[in-house]
Amino acid sequence: MQGTSLVYSFADATAAERHTPQYFEIAGNRAIYNDGWFARTIHKAPWEQKPRRTLQENSAWQLYNVKSDFSLADDLASTNPQKLAELQALFLQEAGKAGALPLDDRVFERMDPVAVGRPDLMGSRTSLTLAEGMTGMMESVFINVKNRSKTITAEVEVQQAAATAP
């Protein structure tokens, strides 16, 4: 995982920033912060069923100088296209370093590692034995059953007292 620890700021609230530039991407929504400047584009809000635009469209980027406009009220994209282009290029550079390229806005398909060419911890296993106490297992440590035919077989031992309890 890439990044800079914020621990240095706990002891000194006036400490100079150590985490610039800051890059962000989730489900096609992208942003970059560097030296007081913040650029972003919203690809799709979580409650929206379809993206607002394609991932290739750059027309919807917004630009803010957070040193003078912390609330992000004054979009400077149209009045400072050079700074916006600089930050967009920086976004691509940082996204490349973080392994986030190419951008992929498929939602449900990305949940299936095999469908998107990602390694699967369980590989090609077709069986798994679970034992008592194996609870709270994360999805990535279980056999991938998404979009596949499956049969689940369970051997259950029930004690007589438990079987007849109301």
Protein backbone atom coordinates (compact mmCIF):
# COMPACT_ATOMS: atom_id res chain seq x y z
CA MET A 1 0.00 0.00 0.00
CA GLN A 2 1.34 3.37 -0.96
CA GLY A 3 1.00 6.51 1.06
CA THR A 4 2.43 8.64 3.81
CA SER A 5 1.73 8.12 7.47
CA LEU A 6 -0.06 10.96 9.24
CA VAL A 7 1.56 10.12 12.58
CA TYR A 8 3.97 13.06 12.26
CA SER A 9 0.99 15.43 12.48
CA PHE A 10 -0.31 14.01 15.77
CA ALA A 11 2.51 15.53 17.81
CA ASP A 12 2.69 18.78 15.83
CA ALA A 13 -0.49 20.26 14.36
CA THR A 14 1.60 22.88 12.53
CA ALA A 15 3.89 20.35 10.82
CA ALA A 16 4.36 20.87 7.11
CA GLU A 17 2.51 18.47 4.80
CA ARG A 18 4.39 15.34 3.79
CA HIS A 19 1.70 13.73 1.69
CA THR A 20 1.63 15.65 -1.55
CA PRO A 21 0.51 14.95 -4.15
CA GLN A 22 -2.59 13.04 -3.03
CA TYR A 23 -4.32 10.87 -5.58
CA PHE A 24 -7.83 9.36 -5.44
CA GLU A 25 -9.81 7.00 -7.66
CA ILE A 26 -12.85 4.87 -6.88
CA ALA A 27 -15.23 3.52 -9.52
CA GLY A 28 -14.12 6.12 -12.05
CA ASN A 29 -14.43 9.09 -9.68
CA ARG A 30 -11.03 10.76 -9.73
CA ALA A 31 -9.24 13.54 -7.88
CA ILE A 32 -5.76 14.89 -7.31
CA TYR A 33 -4.43 17.34 -4.72
CA ASN A 34 -1.09 19.07 -4.97
CA ASP A 35 0.29 22.17 -3.26
CA GLY A 36 -3.08 23.72 -2.42
CA TRP A 37 -4.74 22.84 -5.73
CA PHE A 38 -7.49 20.23 -6.02
CA ALA A 39 -8.93 18.85 -9.26
CA ARG A 40 -11.72 16.30 -9.49
CA THR A 41 -14.25 14.72 -11.76
CA ILE A 42 -17.30 12.78 -10.70
CA HIS A 43 -17.91 9.80 -12.93
CA LYS A 44 -20.84 8.32 -11.04
CA ALA A 45 -22.33 8.98 -7.63
CA PRO A 46 -22.93 5.79 -5.59
CA TRP A 47 -26.72 6.14 -5.86
CA GLU A 48 -26.69 6.63 -9.64
CA GLN A 49 -27.27 3.60 -11.83
CA LYS A 50 -25.32 4.87 -14.83
CA PRO A 51 -22.18 6.98 -15.19
CA ARG A 52 -22.61 10.67 -15.99
CA ARG A 53 -20.07 10.41 -18.80
CA THR A 54 -17.44 8.04 -20.15
CA LEU A 55 -14.07 7.64 -18.45
CA GLN A 56 -12.39 9.24 -21.47
CA GLU A 57 -14.29 12.53 -21.24
CA ASN A 58 -12.21 15.25 -19.59
CA SER A 59 -14.76 18.04 -19.89
CA ALA A 60 -16.27 17.62 -16.44
CA TRP A 61 -13.15 18.22 -14.34
CA GLN A 62 -13.38 20.88 -11.66
CA LEU A 63 -10.48 22.87 -10.23
CA TYR A 64 -10.19 24.54 -6.84
CA ASN A 65 -7.53 26.47 -4.94
CA VAL A 66 -8.17 25.14 -1.43
CA LYS A 67 -5.78 27.64 0.15
CA SER A 68 -8.28 30.39 -0.63
CA ASP A 69 -11.46 28.34 -1.17
CA PHE A 70 -11.58 25.51 1.36
CA SER A 71 -15.31 24.91 0.76
CA LEU A 72 -14.79 24.20 -2.98
CA ALA A 73 -17.30 26.88 -3.96
CA ASP A 74 -15.37 28.55 -6.80
CA ASP A 75 -14.61 26.21 -9.72
CA LEU A 76 -11.57 27.65 -11.55
CA ALA A 77 -11.41 25.08 -14.36
CA SER A 78 -12.56 27.48 -17.08
CA THR A 79 -10.34 30.37 -15.93
CA ASN A 80 -7.19 28.33 -15.29
CA PRO A 81 -7.08 25.53 -17.89
CA GLN A 82 -3.27 25.29 -17.67
CA LYS A 83 -3.37 24.39 -13.96
CA LEU A 84 -6.17 21.90 -14.62
CA ALA A 85 -4.17 20.23 -17.42
CA GLU A 86 -1.14 20.08 -15.10
CA LEU A 87 -3.16 18.36 -12.39
CA GLN A 88 -4.80 15.96 -14.85
CA ALA A 89 -1.34 14.91 -16.05
CA LEU A 90 -0.23 14.52 -12.43
CA PHE A 91 -3.30 12.38 -11.74
CA LEU A 92 -2.33 10.00 -14.56
CA GLN A 93 1.24 9.86 -13.27
CA GLU A 94 0.14 9.05 -9.71
CA ALA A 95 -2.53 6.59 -10.88
CA GLY A 96 0.13 4.80 -12.90
CA LYS A 97 2.43 4.56 -9.87
CA ALA A 98 -0.44 3.18 -7.78
CA GLY A 99 -1.34 0.53 -10.39
CA ALA A 100 -4.81 2.00 -10.97
CA LEU A 101 -4.54 2.17 -14.75
CA PRO A 102 -6.32 1.41 -16.92
CA LEU A 103 -9.37 2.88 -15.21
CA ASP A 104 -12.20 0.39 -15.00
CA ASP A 105 -15.74 1.42 -14.04
CA ARG A 106 -17.30 -2.02 -14.22
CA VAL A 107 -18.92 -2.58 -10.83
CA PHE A 108 -20.22 -6.11 -10.49
CA GLU A 109 -17.73 -7.56 -12.95
CA ARG A 110 -14.81 -6.25 -10.84
CA MET A 111 -16.06 -8.31 -7.89
CA ASP A 112 -15.19 -11.48 -9.81
CA PRO A 113 -11.38 -11.71 -10.06
CA VAL A 114 -11.49 -14.31 -12.83
CA ALA A 115 -13.76 -12.15 -15.00
CA VAL A 116 -11.35 -9.19 -14.90
CA GLY A 117 -8.06 -11.11 -15.01
CA ARG A 118 -7.08 -10.58 -11.39
CA PRO A 119 -5.41 -13.31 -9.32
CA ASP A 120 -7.78 -15.26 -7.08
CA LEU A 121 -6.41 -16.39 -3.72
CA MET A 122 -8.33 -19.65 -3.97
CA GLY A 123 -7.16 -20.29 -7.52
CA SER A 124 -9.02 -23.10 -9.28
CA ARG A 125 -10.06 -24.97 -6.12
CA THR A 126 -13.42 -26.64 -6.33
CA SER A 127 -13.76 -27.86 -2.76
CA LEU A 128 -13.22 -26.41 0.68
CA THR A 129 -13.52 -28.02 4.09
CA LEU A 130 -14.76 -25.81 6.89
CA ALA A 131 -14.38 -26.67 10.55
CA GLU A 132 -15.98 -25.49 13.76
CA GLY A 133 -14.95 -21.97 14.66
CA MET A 134 -14.31 -20.83 11.09
CA THR A 135 -16.51 -17.74 11.24
CA GLY A 136 -16.24 -14.27 9.79
CA MET A 137 -14.38 -15.45 6.72
CA MET A 138 -13.87 -12.73 4.14
CA GLU A 139 -15.06 -13.31 0.59
CA SER A 140 -11.51 -13.46 -0.77
CA VAL A 141 -10.63 -16.53 1.32
CA PHE A 142 -13.58 -18.55 0.12
CA ILE A 143 -14.18 -20.34 -3.16
CA ASN A 144 -15.50 -17.97 -5.80
CA VAL A 145 -19.05 -19.10 -6.60
CA LYS A 146 -20.16 -16.03 -8.53
CA ASN A 147 -21.60 -16.79 -11.97
CA ARG A 148 -20.82 -20.49 -11.67
CA SER A 149 -22.83 -23.67 -11.27
CA LYS A 150 -22.37 -25.07 -7.81
CA THR A 151 -23.36 -27.82 -5.43
CA ILE A 152 -23.03 -27.40 -1.68
CA THR A 153 -22.80 -30.55 0.44
CA ALA A 154 -22.81 -30.36 4.21
CA GLU A 155 -22.35 -33.07 6.81
CA VAL A 156 -24.07 -31.94 9.99
CA GLU A 157 -23.97 -33.68 13.33
CA VAL A 158 -26.85 -32.72 15.60
CA GLN A 159 -26.89 -33.99 19.16
CA GLN A 160 -30.15 -35.60 20.24
CA ALA A 161 -30.88 -32.96 22.93
CA ALA A 162 -30.48 -30.14 20.46
CA ALA A 163 -32.64 -31.90 17.89
CA THR A 164 -35.60 -32.20 20.23
CA ALA A 165 -35.33 -28.79 21.94
CA PRO A 166 -38.31 -26.45 21.39
